[in-house]
């Protein structure tokens, strides 16, 4: 019985590992499709600049990938916050 249990457990681990590899592959492929500029202000984006990669905002909805610089993201967040305050 323990042989069968170990076999099932190994199979589950293998399936989880394969799923994780597929997800990583999809994320790497999506990184290659990133736009080269901010959607709002058209400021240039350098994929090789670590600071830009960590500070810019990426929004993915189905097949569309949108890129926003920190300034435009903050401006949009402020507009939404003001709208919520006015609504209340």
N, C-alpha and C. Protein backbone atom coordinates (compact mmCIF):
# COMPACT_ATOMS: atom_id res chain seq x y z
N UNK A 1 0.82 -1.20 0.00
CA UNK A 1 0.00 0.00 0.00
C UNK A 1 0.86 1.26 0.00
N UNK A 2 1.96 1.25 0.73
CA UNK A 2 2.79 2.44 0.79
C UNK A 2 3.48 2.71 -0.55
N UNK A 3 3.76 1.66 -1.31
CA UNK A 3 4.33 1.83 -2.64
C UNK A 3 3.38 2.61 -3.54
N UNK A 4 2.12 2.27 -3.50
CA UNK A 4 1.11 2.95 -4.32
C UNK A 4 0.96 4.41 -3.87
N UNK A 5 0.99 4.62 -2.57
CA UNK A 5 0.86 5.98 -2.04
C UNK A 5 2.03 6.84 -2.50
N UNK A 6 3.24 6.28 -2.42
CA UNK A 6 4.42 7.03 -2.87
C UNK A 6 4.35 7.32 -4.37
N UNK A 7 3.88 6.35 -5.13
CA UNK A 7 3.77 6.52 -6.57
C UNK A 7 2.79 7.64 -6.90
N UNK A 8 1.67 7.67 -6.22
CA UNK A 8 0.67 8.72 -6.43
C UNK A 8 1.24 10.08 -6.05
N UNK A 9 1.95 10.14 -4.93
CA UNK A 9 2.52 11.40 -4.46
C UNK A 9 3.57 11.91 -5.45
N UNK A 10 4.42 11.00 -5.97
CA UNK A 10 5.43 11.40 -6.96
C UNK A 10 4.76 11.94 -8.22
N UNK A 11 3.68 11.31 -8.64
CA UNK A 11 2.94 11.74 -9.82
C UNK A 11 2.36 13.14 -9.61
N UNK A 12 1.82 13.41 -8.42
CA UNK A 12 1.26 14.73 -8.11
C UNK A 12 2.36 15.79 -8.13
N UNK A 13 3.51 15.47 -7.55
CA UNK A 13 4.63 16.42 -7.53
C UNK A 13 5.09 16.70 -8.95
N UNK A 14 5.18 15.68 -9.77
CA UNK A 14 5.59 15.86 -11.16
C UNK A 14 4.60 16.74 -11.91
N UNK A 15 3.31 16.52 -11.72
CA UNK A 15 2.29 17.34 -12.38
C UNK A 15 2.35 18.78 -11.92
N UNK A 16 2.57 19.01 -10.63
CA UNK A 16 2.70 20.38 -10.11
C UNK A 16 3.91 21.07 -10.70
N UNK A 17 5.01 20.34 -10.83
CA UNK A 17 6.24 20.91 -11.40
C UNK A 17 6.02 21.29 -12.86
N UNK A 18 5.35 20.42 -13.62
CA UNK A 18 5.07 20.71 -15.03
C UNK A 18 4.17 21.94 -15.16
N UNK A 19 3.17 22.05 -14.30
CA UNK A 19 2.26 23.20 -14.33
C UNK A 19 3.02 24.49 -14.02
N UNK A 20 3.91 24.44 -13.04
CA UNK A 20 4.70 25.62 -12.68
C UNK A 20 5.61 26.03 -13.84
N UNK A 21 6.19 25.07 -14.52
CA UNK A 21 7.05 25.37 -15.67
C UNK A 21 6.26 26.02 -16.79
N UNK A 22 5.03 25.55 -17.03
CA UNK A 22 4.18 26.15 -18.06
C UNK A 22 3.85 27.60 -17.70
N UNK A 23 3.53 27.85 -16.43
CA UNK A 23 3.19 29.21 -15.99
C UNK A 23 4.38 30.15 -16.15
N UNK A 24 5.56 29.67 -15.78
CA UNK A 24 6.77 30.49 -15.92
C UNK A 24 7.03 30.79 -17.39
N UNK A 25 6.86 29.78 -18.23
CA UNK A 25 7.06 29.98 -19.66
C UNK A 25 6.10 31.01 -20.22
N UNK A 26 4.85 30.98 -19.79
CA UNK A 26 3.86 31.95 -20.25
C UNK A 26 4.22 33.36 -19.79
N UNK A 27 4.71 33.48 -18.56
CA UNK A 27 5.08 34.81 -18.06
C UNK A 27 6.30 35.35 -18.79
N UNK A 28 7.25 34.49 -19.10
CA UNK A 28 8.42 34.93 -19.85
C UNK A 28 8.02 35.36 -21.26
N UNK A 29 7.12 34.62 -21.87
CA UNK A 29 6.65 34.99 -23.20
C UNK A 29 5.90 36.32 -23.16
N UNK A 30 5.12 36.55 -22.12
CA UNK A 30 4.39 37.82 -21.98
C UNK A 30 5.37 38.98 -21.78
N UNK A 31 6.48 38.74 -21.08
CA UNK A 31 7.48 39.79 -20.88
C UNK A 31 8.07 40.22 -22.21
N UNK A 32 8.21 39.29 -23.12
CA UNK A 32 8.73 39.62 -24.44
C UNK A 32 7.76 40.45 -25.26
N UNK A 33 6.47 40.40 -24.93
CA UNK A 33 5.45 41.16 -25.65
C UNK A 33 5.16 42.52 -25.02
N UNK A 34 5.91 42.91 -24.00
CA UNK A 34 5.66 44.20 -23.34
C UNK A 34 5.82 45.34 -24.32
N UNK A 35 4.96 46.33 -24.22
CA UNK A 35 5.11 47.52 -25.06
C UNK A 35 6.41 48.25 -24.72
N UNK A 36 6.82 49.16 -25.58
CA UNK A 36 8.07 49.90 -25.37
C UNK A 36 7.84 51.29 -24.80
N UNK A 37 6.58 51.61 -24.50
CA UNK A 37 6.29 52.94 -23.95
C UNK A 37 5.02 52.91 -23.10
N UNK A 38 4.88 53.94 -22.28
CA UNK A 38 3.69 54.09 -21.43
C UNK A 38 2.47 54.31 -22.32
N UNK A 39 1.36 53.69 -21.98
CA UNK A 39 0.14 53.80 -22.77
C UNK A 39 -0.41 55.23 -22.75
N UNK A 40 -0.25 55.93 -21.63
CA UNK A 40 -0.83 57.26 -21.49
C UNK A 40 0.07 58.38 -22.02
N UNK A 41 1.30 58.45 -21.51
CA UNK A 41 2.17 59.59 -21.85
C UNK A 41 3.22 59.25 -22.91
N UNK A 42 3.30 57.98 -23.30
CA UNK A 42 4.24 57.50 -24.31
C UNK A 42 5.70 57.68 -23.92
N UNK A 43 5.98 57.71 -22.62
CA UNK A 43 7.35 57.75 -22.13
C UNK A 43 7.99 56.40 -22.44
N UNK A 44 9.24 56.41 -22.88
CA UNK A 44 9.92 55.18 -23.28
C UNK A 44 10.17 54.23 -22.11
N UNK A 45 10.15 52.94 -22.39
CA UNK A 45 10.37 51.90 -21.40
C UNK A 45 11.52 51.02 -21.86
N UNK A 46 12.52 50.84 -20.97
CA UNK A 46 13.68 50.01 -21.28
C UNK A 46 13.58 48.71 -20.47
N UNK A 47 13.41 47.59 -21.16
CA UNK A 47 13.25 46.30 -20.50
C UNK A 47 14.51 45.88 -19.75
N UNK A 48 15.64 46.44 -20.10
CA UNK A 48 16.91 46.06 -19.48
C UNK A 48 17.24 46.89 -18.25
N UNK A 49 16.47 47.95 -18.00
CA UNK A 49 16.68 48.80 -16.84
C UNK A 49 15.92 48.22 -15.65
N UNK A 50 16.66 47.73 -14.66
CA UNK A 50 16.04 47.04 -13.53
C UNK A 50 15.08 47.96 -12.77
N UNK A 51 15.44 49.23 -12.62
CA UNK A 51 14.59 50.18 -11.90
C UNK A 51 13.25 50.36 -12.61
N UNK A 52 13.29 50.46 -13.93
CA UNK A 52 12.04 50.61 -14.69
C UNK A 52 11.20 49.35 -14.59
N UNK A 53 11.83 48.20 -14.71
CA UNK A 53 11.08 46.94 -14.66
C UNK A 53 10.37 46.77 -13.32
N UNK A 54 11.00 47.22 -12.24
CA UNK A 54 10.40 47.04 -10.92
C UNK A 54 9.42 48.15 -10.55
N UNK A 55 9.49 49.31 -11.21
CA UNK A 55 8.63 50.42 -10.78
C UNK A 55 7.44 50.68 -11.71
N UNK A 56 7.49 50.22 -12.94
CA UNK A 56 6.39 50.45 -13.87
C UNK A 56 5.29 49.42 -13.61
N UNK A 57 4.09 49.71 -14.07
CA UNK A 57 2.93 48.87 -13.82
C UNK A 57 2.47 48.20 -15.11
N UNK A 58 2.26 46.90 -15.04
CA UNK A 58 1.81 46.12 -16.18
C UNK A 58 0.41 45.58 -15.87
N UNK A 59 -0.50 45.80 -16.80
CA UNK A 59 -1.87 45.29 -16.65
C UNK A 59 -2.14 44.38 -17.83
N UNK A 60 -2.51 43.14 -17.52
CA UNK A 60 -2.81 42.19 -18.58
C UNK A 60 -4.27 41.78 -18.48
N UNK A 61 -5.00 42.02 -19.55
CA UNK A 61 -6.40 41.62 -19.64
C UNK A 61 -6.54 40.78 -20.90
N UNK A 62 -6.70 39.48 -20.70
CA UNK A 62 -6.75 38.53 -21.81
C UNK A 62 -5.49 38.65 -22.65
N UNK A 63 -5.61 39.06 -23.90
CA UNK A 63 -4.46 39.15 -24.80
C UNK A 63 -3.75 40.51 -24.74
N UNK A 64 -4.43 41.52 -24.19
CA UNK A 64 -3.88 42.87 -24.17
C UNK A 64 -2.94 43.06 -22.99
N UNK A 65 -1.76 43.62 -23.28
CA UNK A 65 -0.81 43.96 -22.22
C UNK A 65 -0.61 45.46 -22.28
N UNK A 66 -0.89 46.11 -21.16
CA UNK A 66 -0.77 47.57 -21.09
C UNK A 66 0.31 47.94 -20.09
N UNK A 67 1.06 48.97 -20.40
CA UNK A 67 2.18 49.39 -19.58
C UNK A 67 1.99 50.84 -19.16
N UNK A 68 2.17 51.12 -17.86
CA UNK A 68 1.98 52.47 -17.32
C UNK A 68 3.19 52.88 -16.51
N UNK A 69 3.65 54.10 -16.70
CA UNK A 69 4.76 54.62 -15.89
C UNK A 69 4.22 54.98 -14.50
N UNK A 70 5.10 55.12 -13.51
CA UNK A 70 4.64 55.43 -12.15
C UNK A 70 3.87 56.75 -12.06
N UNK A 71 4.25 57.74 -12.85
CA UNK A 71 3.55 59.04 -12.81
C UNK A 71 2.10 58.91 -13.29
N UNK A 72 1.90 58.23 -14.40
CA UNK A 72 0.54 58.06 -14.93
C UNK A 72 -0.29 57.16 -14.01
N UNK A 73 0.35 56.16 -13.42
CA UNK A 73 -0.36 55.26 -12.50
C UNK A 73 -0.84 56.04 -11.29
N UNK A 74 0.03 56.91 -10.74
CA UNK A 74 -0.35 57.71 -9.58
C UNK A 74 -1.46 58.69 -9.94
N UNK A 75 -1.37 59.29 -11.12
CA UNK A 75 -2.40 60.23 -11.55
C UNK A 75 -3.76 59.51 -11.66
N UNK A 76 -3.76 58.32 -12.24
CA UNK A 76 -5.01 57.56 -12.37
C UNK A 76 -5.55 57.16 -11.00
N UNK A 77 -4.66 56.76 -10.09
CA UNK A 77 -5.09 56.38 -8.74
C UNK A 77 -5.69 57.58 -8.02
N UNK A 78 -5.10 58.77 -8.20
CA UNK A 78 -5.63 59.99 -7.58
C UNK A 78 -7.02 60.33 -8.13
N UNK A 79 -7.19 60.17 -9.43
CA UNK A 79 -8.49 60.46 -10.05
C UNK A 79 -9.55 59.51 -9.50
N UNK A 80 -9.21 58.24 -9.39
CA UNK A 80 -10.16 57.26 -8.85
C UNK A 80 -10.49 57.56 -7.40
N UNK A 81 -9.47 57.90 -6.63
CA UNK A 81 -9.69 58.24 -5.20
C UNK A 81 -10.60 59.45 -5.08
N UNK A 82 -10.36 60.47 -5.90
CA UNK A 82 -11.20 61.68 -5.85
C UNK A 82 -12.64 61.34 -6.24
N UNK A 83 -12.82 60.49 -7.24
CA UNK A 83 -14.14 60.07 -7.69
C UNK A 83 -14.89 59.35 -6.55
N UNK A 84 -14.19 58.46 -5.88
CA UNK A 84 -14.82 57.71 -4.76
C UNK A 84 -15.21 58.67 -3.64
N UNK A 85 -14.33 59.63 -3.33
CA UNK A 85 -14.65 60.60 -2.27
C UNK A 85 -15.87 61.44 -2.66
N UNK A 86 -15.92 61.89 -3.91
CA UNK A 86 -17.04 62.70 -4.36
C UNK A 86 -18.35 61.90 -4.36
N UNK A 87 -18.25 60.64 -4.68
CA UNK A 87 -19.44 59.79 -4.74
C UNK A 87 -20.01 59.58 -3.34
N UNK A 88 -19.13 59.48 -2.34
CA UNK A 88 -19.58 59.29 -0.95
C UNK A 88 -19.94 60.64 -0.39
